[in-house]
N, C-alpha and C. Protein backbone atom coordinates (compact mmCIF):
# COMPACT_ATOMS: atom_id res chain seq x y z
N MET A 1 -34.85 -24.87 -27.07
CA MET A 1 -35.39 -23.68 -27.74
C MET A 1 -34.38 -23.16 -28.79
N THR A 2 -34.75 -23.07 -30.02
CA THR A 2 -33.88 -22.58 -31.04
C THR A 2 -34.34 -21.31 -31.67
N ASP A 3 -35.64 -21.00 -31.48
CA ASP A 3 -36.21 -19.79 -32.09
C ASP A 3 -35.80 -18.54 -31.32
N THR A 4 -35.40 -17.53 -32.02
CA THR A 4 -35.12 -16.22 -31.43
C THR A 4 -36.38 -15.38 -31.46
N PHE A 5 -36.64 -14.68 -30.34
CA PHE A 5 -37.80 -13.81 -30.25
C PHE A 5 -37.33 -12.35 -30.08
N ILE A 6 -37.77 -11.52 -30.99
CA ILE A 6 -37.49 -10.07 -30.88
C ILE A 6 -38.82 -9.35 -30.86
N HIS A 7 -39.14 -8.73 -29.75
CA HIS A 7 -40.40 -7.97 -29.59
C HIS A 7 -40.46 -6.90 -30.69
N PRO A 8 -41.69 -6.63 -31.22
CA PRO A 8 -41.82 -5.61 -32.25
C PRO A 8 -41.32 -4.21 -31.86
N SER A 9 -41.28 -3.88 -30.59
CA SER A 9 -40.82 -2.58 -30.14
C SER A 9 -39.28 -2.50 -29.98
N ALA A 10 -38.60 -3.68 -30.04
CA ALA A 10 -37.17 -3.70 -29.92
C ALA A 10 -36.47 -3.12 -31.16
N ILE A 11 -35.34 -2.46 -30.97
CA ILE A 11 -34.55 -1.91 -32.08
C ILE A 11 -33.22 -2.67 -32.07
N VAL A 12 -32.98 -3.35 -33.16
CA VAL A 12 -31.80 -4.16 -33.32
C VAL A 12 -31.07 -3.74 -34.59
N ASP A 13 -29.85 -3.22 -34.47
CA ASP A 13 -29.11 -2.82 -35.62
C ASP A 13 -28.85 -4.02 -36.51
N PRO A 14 -28.96 -3.87 -37.82
CA PRO A 14 -28.74 -5.00 -38.75
C PRO A 14 -27.34 -5.66 -38.60
N SER A 15 -26.33 -4.92 -38.08
CA SER A 15 -25.01 -5.51 -37.93
C SER A 15 -24.83 -6.26 -36.61
N ALA A 16 -25.84 -6.18 -35.69
CA ALA A 16 -25.73 -6.92 -34.42
C ALA A 16 -25.94 -8.43 -34.72
N ARG A 17 -25.33 -9.22 -33.87
CA ARG A 17 -25.50 -10.71 -33.98
C ARG A 17 -26.30 -11.17 -32.78
N ILE A 18 -27.39 -11.87 -33.06
CA ILE A 18 -28.29 -12.36 -32.03
C ILE A 18 -28.33 -13.86 -32.07
N GLY A 19 -27.93 -14.54 -30.97
CA GLY A 19 -27.86 -16.00 -30.99
C GLY A 19 -29.17 -16.68 -30.97
N ALA A 20 -29.21 -17.91 -31.38
CA ALA A 20 -30.38 -18.74 -31.42
C ALA A 20 -30.99 -18.82 -30.04
N GLY A 21 -32.27 -18.73 -29.95
CA GLY A 21 -33.01 -18.88 -28.70
C GLY A 21 -33.00 -17.62 -27.86
N ALA A 22 -32.37 -16.53 -28.28
CA ALA A 22 -32.36 -15.30 -27.53
C ALA A 22 -33.78 -14.70 -27.52
N GLN A 23 -34.07 -13.98 -26.45
CA GLN A 23 -35.34 -13.28 -26.31
C GLN A 23 -35.03 -11.84 -25.99
N LEU A 24 -35.49 -10.94 -26.88
CA LEU A 24 -35.33 -9.54 -26.70
C LEU A 24 -36.71 -8.90 -26.54
N TRP A 25 -36.97 -8.37 -25.33
CA TRP A 25 -38.30 -7.94 -24.99
C TRP A 25 -38.59 -6.46 -25.25
N VAL A 26 -39.61 -5.92 -24.65
CA VAL A 26 -40.14 -4.57 -24.96
C VAL A 26 -39.03 -3.50 -24.80
N ASN A 27 -38.89 -2.71 -25.87
CA ASN A 27 -38.05 -1.52 -25.90
C ASN A 27 -36.56 -1.81 -25.73
N VAL A 28 -36.15 -3.03 -25.99
CA VAL A 28 -34.73 -3.35 -25.96
C VAL A 28 -34.04 -2.67 -27.17
N GLN A 29 -32.82 -2.18 -26.95
CA GLN A 29 -32.06 -1.59 -28.06
C GLN A 29 -30.70 -2.25 -28.08
N VAL A 30 -30.36 -2.82 -29.23
CA VAL A 30 -29.05 -3.45 -29.45
C VAL A 30 -28.41 -2.70 -30.60
N ARG A 31 -27.25 -2.09 -30.30
CA ARG A 31 -26.59 -1.21 -31.32
C ARG A 31 -25.68 -1.99 -32.20
N GLU A 32 -25.03 -1.28 -33.14
CA GLU A 32 -24.23 -1.86 -34.15
C GLU A 32 -23.03 -2.66 -33.58
N GLN A 33 -22.76 -3.77 -34.28
CA GLN A 33 -21.65 -4.68 -34.02
C GLN A 33 -21.74 -5.32 -32.57
N ALA A 34 -22.87 -5.18 -31.88
CA ALA A 34 -23.04 -5.91 -30.62
C ALA A 34 -23.27 -7.35 -30.90
N ALA A 35 -22.93 -8.22 -29.92
CA ALA A 35 -23.14 -9.67 -30.06
C ALA A 35 -23.84 -10.18 -28.87
N ILE A 36 -25.02 -10.80 -29.03
CA ILE A 36 -25.82 -11.38 -27.99
C ILE A 36 -25.76 -12.87 -28.18
N GLY A 37 -25.40 -13.62 -27.15
CA GLY A 37 -25.25 -15.07 -27.26
C GLY A 37 -26.53 -15.86 -27.35
N ARG A 38 -26.42 -17.14 -27.42
CA ARG A 38 -27.56 -18.07 -27.49
C ARG A 38 -28.30 -18.09 -26.19
N ASN A 39 -29.64 -18.19 -26.27
CA ASN A 39 -30.49 -18.41 -25.12
C ASN A 39 -30.43 -17.26 -24.04
N CYS A 40 -30.08 -16.08 -24.46
CA CYS A 40 -30.08 -14.93 -23.59
C CYS A 40 -31.47 -14.33 -23.44
N ILE A 41 -31.73 -13.70 -22.33
CA ILE A 41 -32.97 -12.96 -22.14
C ILE A 41 -32.59 -11.52 -21.84
N LEU A 42 -32.99 -10.59 -22.67
CA LEU A 42 -32.86 -9.20 -22.42
C LEU A 42 -34.23 -8.65 -22.17
N SER A 43 -34.49 -8.29 -20.91
CA SER A 43 -35.78 -7.82 -20.47
C SER A 43 -36.08 -6.41 -20.88
N LYS A 44 -37.26 -5.89 -20.52
CA LYS A 44 -37.78 -4.59 -20.93
C LYS A 44 -36.72 -3.47 -20.69
N ASP A 45 -36.56 -2.63 -21.70
CA ASP A 45 -35.77 -1.41 -21.66
C ASP A 45 -34.28 -1.64 -21.50
N VAL A 46 -33.76 -2.80 -21.86
CA VAL A 46 -32.30 -3.03 -21.83
C VAL A 46 -31.65 -2.29 -23.00
N TYR A 47 -30.52 -1.67 -22.72
CA TYR A 47 -29.73 -0.97 -23.73
C TYR A 47 -28.37 -1.62 -23.85
N VAL A 48 -28.04 -2.07 -25.07
CA VAL A 48 -26.74 -2.68 -25.33
C VAL A 48 -26.02 -1.82 -26.36
N ASP A 49 -24.92 -1.18 -25.96
CA ASP A 49 -24.20 -0.26 -26.77
C ASP A 49 -23.42 -0.95 -27.87
N HIS A 50 -22.87 -0.20 -28.80
CA HIS A 50 -22.12 -0.74 -29.93
C HIS A 50 -20.91 -1.50 -29.46
N GLY A 51 -20.65 -2.63 -30.11
CA GLY A 51 -19.47 -3.43 -29.82
C GLY A 51 -19.51 -4.26 -28.55
N VAL A 52 -20.57 -4.21 -27.79
CA VAL A 52 -20.67 -4.99 -26.56
C VAL A 52 -20.82 -6.45 -26.92
N THR A 53 -20.20 -7.32 -26.13
CA THR A 53 -20.40 -8.76 -26.26
C THR A 53 -21.01 -9.31 -25.05
N ILE A 54 -22.12 -10.07 -25.19
CA ILE A 54 -22.83 -10.78 -24.16
C ILE A 54 -22.84 -12.27 -24.54
N GLY A 55 -22.33 -13.11 -23.63
CA GLY A 55 -22.18 -14.55 -23.92
C GLY A 55 -23.50 -15.26 -23.93
N ASP A 56 -23.43 -16.61 -23.90
CA ASP A 56 -24.58 -17.46 -23.97
C ASP A 56 -25.24 -17.54 -22.58
N ASN A 57 -26.58 -17.78 -22.59
CA ASN A 57 -27.33 -18.10 -21.36
C ASN A 57 -27.32 -16.98 -20.31
N CYS A 58 -27.26 -15.76 -20.76
CA CYS A 58 -27.26 -14.61 -19.82
C CYS A 58 -28.67 -14.09 -19.66
N LYS A 59 -28.91 -13.57 -18.46
CA LYS A 59 -30.21 -12.94 -18.19
C LYS A 59 -29.95 -11.50 -17.76
N ILE A 60 -30.37 -10.54 -18.56
CA ILE A 60 -30.16 -9.12 -18.27
C ILE A 60 -31.57 -8.55 -18.03
N GLN A 61 -31.82 -8.10 -16.80
CA GLN A 61 -33.16 -7.69 -16.42
C GLN A 61 -33.47 -6.25 -16.77
N ASN A 62 -34.69 -5.84 -16.46
CA ASN A 62 -35.23 -4.55 -16.89
C ASN A 62 -34.31 -3.37 -16.65
N SER A 63 -34.25 -2.48 -17.59
CA SER A 63 -33.61 -1.15 -17.52
C SER A 63 -32.10 -1.19 -17.24
N VAL A 64 -31.44 -2.22 -17.68
CA VAL A 64 -29.97 -2.31 -17.52
C VAL A 64 -29.34 -1.64 -18.77
N SER A 65 -28.30 -0.85 -18.52
CA SER A 65 -27.50 -0.22 -19.59
C SER A 65 -26.14 -0.91 -19.60
N VAL A 66 -25.81 -1.42 -20.76
CA VAL A 66 -24.49 -2.08 -20.93
C VAL A 66 -23.75 -1.26 -22.03
N TYR A 67 -22.77 -0.47 -21.59
CA TYR A 67 -22.12 0.47 -22.49
C TYR A 67 -20.92 -0.12 -23.16
N HIS A 68 -20.52 0.55 -24.23
CA HIS A 68 -19.35 0.19 -25.08
C HIS A 68 -18.16 -0.07 -24.17
N GLY A 69 -17.46 -1.17 -24.43
CA GLY A 69 -16.30 -1.55 -23.66
C GLY A 69 -16.56 -2.65 -22.67
N VAL A 70 -17.84 -3.06 -22.55
CA VAL A 70 -18.22 -4.13 -21.60
C VAL A 70 -18.26 -5.45 -22.34
N THR A 71 -17.67 -6.47 -21.71
CA THR A 71 -17.78 -7.86 -22.15
C THR A 71 -18.39 -8.66 -21.03
N ILE A 72 -19.47 -9.39 -21.32
CA ILE A 72 -20.14 -10.25 -20.36
C ILE A 72 -20.03 -11.68 -20.86
N GLU A 73 -19.38 -12.55 -20.08
CA GLU A 73 -19.23 -13.92 -20.49
C GLU A 73 -20.53 -14.77 -20.28
N ASP A 74 -20.43 -16.06 -20.51
CA ASP A 74 -21.61 -16.94 -20.42
C ASP A 74 -22.21 -17.02 -19.00
N ASP A 75 -23.48 -17.27 -18.94
CA ASP A 75 -24.19 -17.63 -17.70
C ASP A 75 -24.20 -16.53 -16.64
N VAL A 76 -24.19 -15.28 -17.09
CA VAL A 76 -24.16 -14.11 -16.17
C VAL A 76 -25.61 -13.63 -15.95
N PHE A 77 -25.91 -13.26 -14.71
CA PHE A 77 -27.15 -12.61 -14.33
C PHE A 77 -26.87 -11.17 -13.98
N VAL A 78 -27.69 -10.24 -14.58
CA VAL A 78 -27.59 -8.81 -14.22
C VAL A 78 -29.00 -8.38 -13.79
N GLY A 79 -29.11 -7.93 -12.55
CA GLY A 79 -30.42 -7.53 -12.00
C GLY A 79 -30.90 -6.21 -12.53
N PRO A 80 -32.20 -5.88 -12.29
CA PRO A 80 -32.81 -4.67 -12.86
C PRO A 80 -32.08 -3.42 -12.41
N ASN A 81 -32.05 -2.45 -13.37
CA ASN A 81 -31.45 -1.14 -13.17
C ASN A 81 -29.98 -1.10 -12.90
N ALA A 82 -29.25 -2.18 -13.08
CA ALA A 82 -27.81 -2.16 -12.95
C ALA A 82 -27.26 -1.30 -14.08
N CYS A 83 -26.09 -0.73 -13.84
CA CYS A 83 -25.49 0.15 -14.88
C CYS A 83 -23.99 -0.10 -14.92
N PHE A 84 -23.52 -0.20 -16.17
CA PHE A 84 -22.06 -0.30 -16.41
C PHE A 84 -21.58 1.04 -16.94
N THR A 85 -20.51 1.57 -16.38
CA THR A 85 -19.98 2.83 -16.94
C THR A 85 -18.83 2.46 -17.91
N ASN A 86 -18.33 3.47 -18.64
CA ASN A 86 -17.22 3.16 -19.56
C ASN A 86 -16.23 4.34 -19.63
N ASP A 87 -16.34 5.25 -18.71
CA ASP A 87 -15.43 6.42 -18.75
C ASP A 87 -15.10 6.82 -17.34
N ARG A 88 -13.80 6.76 -16.95
CA ARG A 88 -13.36 7.14 -15.62
C ARG A 88 -13.37 8.62 -15.37
N VAL A 89 -13.33 9.43 -16.43
CA VAL A 89 -13.36 10.90 -16.30
C VAL A 89 -14.44 11.44 -17.24
N PRO A 90 -15.72 11.26 -16.88
CA PRO A 90 -16.78 11.63 -17.78
C PRO A 90 -16.90 13.16 -17.92
N ARG A 91 -17.01 13.61 -19.16
CA ARG A 91 -17.27 15.00 -19.51
C ARG A 91 -18.17 14.99 -20.72
N ALA A 92 -18.95 16.03 -20.88
CA ALA A 92 -19.83 16.13 -22.02
C ALA A 92 -19.03 16.14 -23.35
N PHE A 93 -17.88 16.79 -23.34
CA PHE A 93 -17.03 16.81 -24.48
C PHE A 93 -15.58 16.56 -24.02
N ASN A 94 -14.95 15.55 -24.60
CA ASN A 94 -13.59 15.23 -24.22
C ASN A 94 -12.89 14.65 -25.45
N LYS A 95 -12.04 15.42 -26.08
CA LYS A 95 -11.37 14.95 -27.28
C LYS A 95 -10.41 13.77 -27.05
N ASP A 96 -10.00 13.64 -25.79
CA ASP A 96 -9.10 12.52 -25.41
C ASP A 96 -9.80 11.32 -24.80
N TRP A 97 -11.13 11.21 -24.98
CA TRP A 97 -11.89 10.14 -24.40
C TRP A 97 -11.35 8.77 -24.76
N VAL A 98 -11.21 7.92 -23.73
CA VAL A 98 -10.73 6.55 -23.90
C VAL A 98 -11.65 5.64 -23.13
N VAL A 99 -12.15 4.61 -23.84
CA VAL A 99 -12.97 3.60 -23.16
C VAL A 99 -12.11 2.78 -22.18
N SER A 100 -12.66 2.56 -21.01
CA SER A 100 -12.00 1.72 -20.03
C SER A 100 -12.74 0.35 -20.03
N PRO A 101 -12.19 -0.69 -20.56
CA PRO A 101 -12.90 -1.94 -20.71
C PRO A 101 -13.27 -2.59 -19.32
N THR A 102 -14.40 -3.27 -19.35
CA THR A 102 -14.91 -3.98 -18.16
C THR A 102 -15.18 -5.42 -18.59
N MET A 103 -14.83 -6.35 -17.72
CA MET A 103 -15.05 -7.78 -18.00
C MET A 103 -15.87 -8.39 -16.87
N VAL A 104 -16.98 -9.09 -17.24
CA VAL A 104 -17.76 -9.84 -16.27
C VAL A 104 -17.59 -11.30 -16.63
N ARG A 105 -16.90 -12.05 -15.77
CA ARG A 105 -16.58 -13.44 -16.06
C ARG A 105 -17.77 -14.39 -15.86
N ARG A 106 -17.59 -15.53 -16.42
CA ARG A 106 -18.63 -16.59 -16.45
C ARG A 106 -19.29 -16.83 -15.12
N GLY A 107 -20.65 -16.89 -15.12
CA GLY A 107 -21.40 -17.28 -13.93
C GLY A 107 -21.55 -16.19 -12.91
N ALA A 108 -21.00 -14.99 -13.12
CA ALA A 108 -21.16 -13.92 -12.09
C ALA A 108 -22.60 -13.44 -12.02
N SER A 109 -22.91 -12.85 -10.87
CA SER A 109 -24.27 -12.36 -10.63
C SER A 109 -24.19 -10.95 -10.05
N ILE A 110 -24.90 -10.04 -10.70
CA ILE A 110 -24.87 -8.63 -10.33
C ILE A 110 -26.27 -8.23 -9.92
N GLY A 111 -26.44 -7.77 -8.67
CA GLY A 111 -27.77 -7.45 -8.10
C GLY A 111 -28.36 -6.17 -8.65
N ALA A 112 -29.64 -6.00 -8.37
CA ALA A 112 -30.42 -4.87 -8.82
C ALA A 112 -29.75 -3.54 -8.36
N ASN A 113 -29.77 -2.54 -9.23
CA ASN A 113 -29.31 -1.19 -8.93
C ASN A 113 -27.82 -1.14 -8.65
N ALA A 114 -27.05 -2.13 -8.99
CA ALA A 114 -25.58 -2.07 -8.80
C ALA A 114 -25.01 -1.18 -9.88
N THR A 115 -23.92 -0.52 -9.53
CA THR A 115 -23.17 0.28 -10.52
C THR A 115 -21.81 -0.32 -10.65
N ILE A 116 -21.41 -0.63 -11.86
CA ILE A 116 -20.10 -1.23 -12.12
C ILE A 116 -19.23 -0.17 -12.80
N VAL A 117 -18.26 0.38 -12.03
CA VAL A 117 -17.40 1.38 -12.57
C VAL A 117 -16.43 0.71 -13.54
N CYS A 118 -16.16 1.38 -14.66
CA CYS A 118 -15.40 0.80 -15.72
C CYS A 118 -13.93 0.45 -15.36
N GLY A 119 -13.38 -0.42 -16.18
CA GLY A 119 -11.94 -0.72 -16.05
C GLY A 119 -11.66 -1.82 -15.06
N ILE A 120 -12.70 -2.62 -14.71
CA ILE A 120 -12.50 -3.66 -13.72
C ILE A 120 -12.91 -5.02 -14.28
N THR A 121 -12.57 -6.07 -13.57
CA THR A 121 -13.03 -7.42 -13.85
C THR A 121 -13.78 -7.96 -12.67
N ILE A 122 -14.95 -8.52 -12.97
CA ILE A 122 -15.73 -9.24 -11.94
C ILE A 122 -15.48 -10.71 -12.25
N GLY A 123 -14.89 -11.43 -11.24
CA GLY A 123 -14.46 -12.83 -11.42
C GLY A 123 -15.61 -13.82 -11.61
N GLU A 124 -15.18 -15.03 -12.02
CA GLU A 124 -16.12 -16.10 -12.21
C GLU A 124 -16.92 -16.33 -10.95
N PHE A 125 -18.25 -16.50 -11.17
CA PHE A 125 -19.19 -16.79 -10.11
C PHE A 125 -19.25 -15.87 -8.94
N ALA A 126 -18.60 -14.70 -9.09
CA ALA A 126 -18.70 -13.68 -8.04
C ALA A 126 -20.12 -13.19 -7.91
N MET A 127 -20.44 -12.64 -6.74
CA MET A 127 -21.82 -12.13 -6.51
C MET A 127 -21.64 -10.67 -6.03
N VAL A 128 -22.32 -9.75 -6.77
CA VAL A 128 -22.36 -8.35 -6.37
C VAL A 128 -23.75 -8.11 -5.80
N ALA A 129 -23.80 -7.66 -4.53
CA ALA A 129 -25.09 -7.45 -3.90
C ALA A 129 -25.84 -6.26 -4.49
N ALA A 130 -27.13 -6.30 -4.37
CA ALA A 130 -28.00 -5.21 -4.90
C ALA A 130 -27.51 -3.88 -4.32
N GLY A 131 -27.50 -2.84 -5.17
CA GLY A 131 -27.16 -1.52 -4.76
C GLY A 131 -25.66 -1.21 -4.55
N SER A 132 -24.83 -2.18 -4.78
CA SER A 132 -23.41 -1.99 -4.60
C SER A 132 -22.83 -1.11 -5.69
N VAL A 133 -21.75 -0.45 -5.35
CA VAL A 133 -20.98 0.35 -6.30
C VAL A 133 -19.62 -0.28 -6.37
N VAL A 134 -19.31 -0.95 -7.44
CA VAL A 134 -18.07 -1.73 -7.61
C VAL A 134 -17.05 -0.84 -8.29
N THR A 135 -15.99 -0.57 -7.55
CA THR A 135 -14.94 0.39 -8.02
C THR A 135 -13.61 -0.33 -8.28
N ARG A 136 -13.47 -1.62 -7.96
CA ARG A 136 -12.24 -2.32 -8.19
C ARG A 136 -12.54 -3.81 -8.53
N ASP A 137 -11.54 -4.52 -8.96
CA ASP A 137 -11.74 -5.91 -9.32
C ASP A 137 -12.35 -6.73 -8.23
N VAL A 138 -13.17 -7.71 -8.62
CA VAL A 138 -13.83 -8.66 -7.69
C VAL A 138 -13.28 -10.03 -8.01
N GLU A 139 -12.69 -10.68 -7.00
CA GLU A 139 -12.08 -11.99 -7.30
C GLU A 139 -13.15 -13.03 -7.49
N PRO A 140 -12.75 -14.16 -8.16
CA PRO A 140 -13.73 -15.22 -8.41
C PRO A 140 -14.36 -15.73 -7.10
N PHE A 141 -15.65 -16.00 -7.16
CA PHE A 141 -16.43 -16.54 -6.07
C PHE A 141 -16.61 -15.57 -4.86
N ALA A 142 -16.20 -14.35 -5.01
CA ALA A 142 -16.32 -13.37 -3.91
C ALA A 142 -17.73 -12.85 -3.82
N LEU A 143 -18.16 -12.50 -2.61
CA LEU A 143 -19.40 -11.79 -2.38
C LEU A 143 -19.04 -10.37 -1.95
N VAL A 144 -19.50 -9.37 -2.72
CA VAL A 144 -19.21 -8.02 -2.37
C VAL A 144 -20.49 -7.25 -2.14
N ILE A 145 -20.46 -6.28 -1.17
CA ILE A 145 -21.62 -5.46 -0.86
C ILE A 145 -21.17 -4.04 -0.56
N GLY A 146 -22.10 -3.09 -0.72
CA GLY A 146 -21.91 -1.76 -0.22
C GLY A 146 -21.43 -0.74 -1.24
N ASN A 147 -21.14 0.47 -0.70
CA ASN A 147 -20.67 1.59 -1.52
C ASN A 147 -19.54 2.27 -0.77
N PRO A 148 -18.28 2.07 -1.23
CA PRO A 148 -17.87 1.22 -2.32
C PRO A 148 -17.99 -0.26 -1.89
N ALA A 149 -18.18 -1.11 -2.86
CA ALA A 149 -18.30 -2.53 -2.56
C ALA A 149 -17.06 -3.09 -1.93
N ARG A 150 -17.29 -3.89 -0.90
CA ARG A 150 -16.19 -4.58 -0.21
C ARG A 150 -16.55 -6.06 -0.06
N MET A 151 -15.50 -6.85 -0.06
CA MET A 151 -15.69 -8.32 0.00
C MET A 151 -16.07 -8.72 1.44
N VAL A 152 -17.13 -9.51 1.54
CA VAL A 152 -17.57 -9.97 2.89
C VAL A 152 -17.53 -11.51 3.00
N GLY A 153 -17.23 -12.18 1.91
CA GLY A 153 -17.17 -13.64 2.00
C GLY A 153 -17.07 -14.22 0.61
N TYR A 154 -17.40 -15.53 0.54
CA TYR A 154 -17.34 -16.28 -0.69
C TYR A 154 -18.66 -17.01 -0.95
N VAL A 155 -18.91 -17.29 -2.21
CA VAL A 155 -20.08 -18.09 -2.58
C VAL A 155 -19.60 -19.23 -3.46
N ASP A 156 -20.49 -20.22 -3.61
CA ASP A 156 -20.21 -21.30 -4.56
C ASP A 156 -20.87 -20.99 -5.90
N GLU A 157 -20.85 -21.91 -6.83
CA GLU A 157 -21.43 -21.66 -8.16
C GLU A 157 -22.93 -21.37 -8.08
N SER A 158 -23.63 -21.84 -7.07
CA SER A 158 -25.05 -21.61 -6.95
C SER A 158 -25.35 -20.28 -6.22
N GLY A 159 -24.34 -19.63 -5.70
CA GLY A 159 -24.55 -18.40 -4.93
C GLY A 159 -24.68 -18.56 -3.45
N THR A 160 -24.55 -19.80 -2.95
CA THR A 160 -24.66 -20.06 -1.53
C THR A 160 -23.36 -19.60 -0.81
N ARG A 161 -23.50 -18.90 0.27
CA ARG A 161 -22.32 -18.43 1.02
C ARG A 161 -21.55 -19.64 1.56
N LYS A 162 -20.24 -19.59 1.46
CA LYS A 162 -19.37 -20.66 1.90
C LYS A 162 -18.51 -20.28 3.10
N ASP A 163 -18.68 -19.06 3.64
CA ASP A 163 -17.83 -18.67 4.72
C ASP A 163 -18.51 -18.78 6.08
N ARG A 164 -19.68 -19.37 6.12
CA ARG A 164 -20.41 -19.58 7.35
C ARG A 164 -20.73 -21.07 7.55
N GLN A 165 -20.82 -21.45 8.78
CA GLN A 165 -21.24 -22.82 9.09
C GLN A 165 -22.76 -22.90 9.01
N SER A 166 -23.33 -23.94 8.48
CA SER A 166 -24.76 -24.08 8.36
C SER A 166 -25.39 -24.55 9.64
């Protein structure tokens, strides 16, 4: 697939870069200087803030907000209603506001309704369970659950748990 699809209701800033084969669906908004990789799917109501980078072959499901300061590498899955924050001390007005960068490494998977607090790294192929609130770094291949998210085991590249006997 080489054709890019942008739904007529999507709003894409002219300075945004959209990779070949990307699909941007109903009510997606991609702001200025954002970069969306090849063969990505951004589902209904996804918001991508200015300067965000999303790698190749990512799937970002309905109603996900990806705020300024977030970098998502290749082959990442983000479930519906997940949210990335970008401010550790949010206030309506803060003259000293500083973005706290967040990195989601290659192959990671973030479940539905997860909240990713800014300033952390989610490691390669890590899996964040649905509804988790991630407040600190997640090591590669780790499975984290809960609020706050805690590590309960490991997964392989396909997401299969590796800490239990079959």
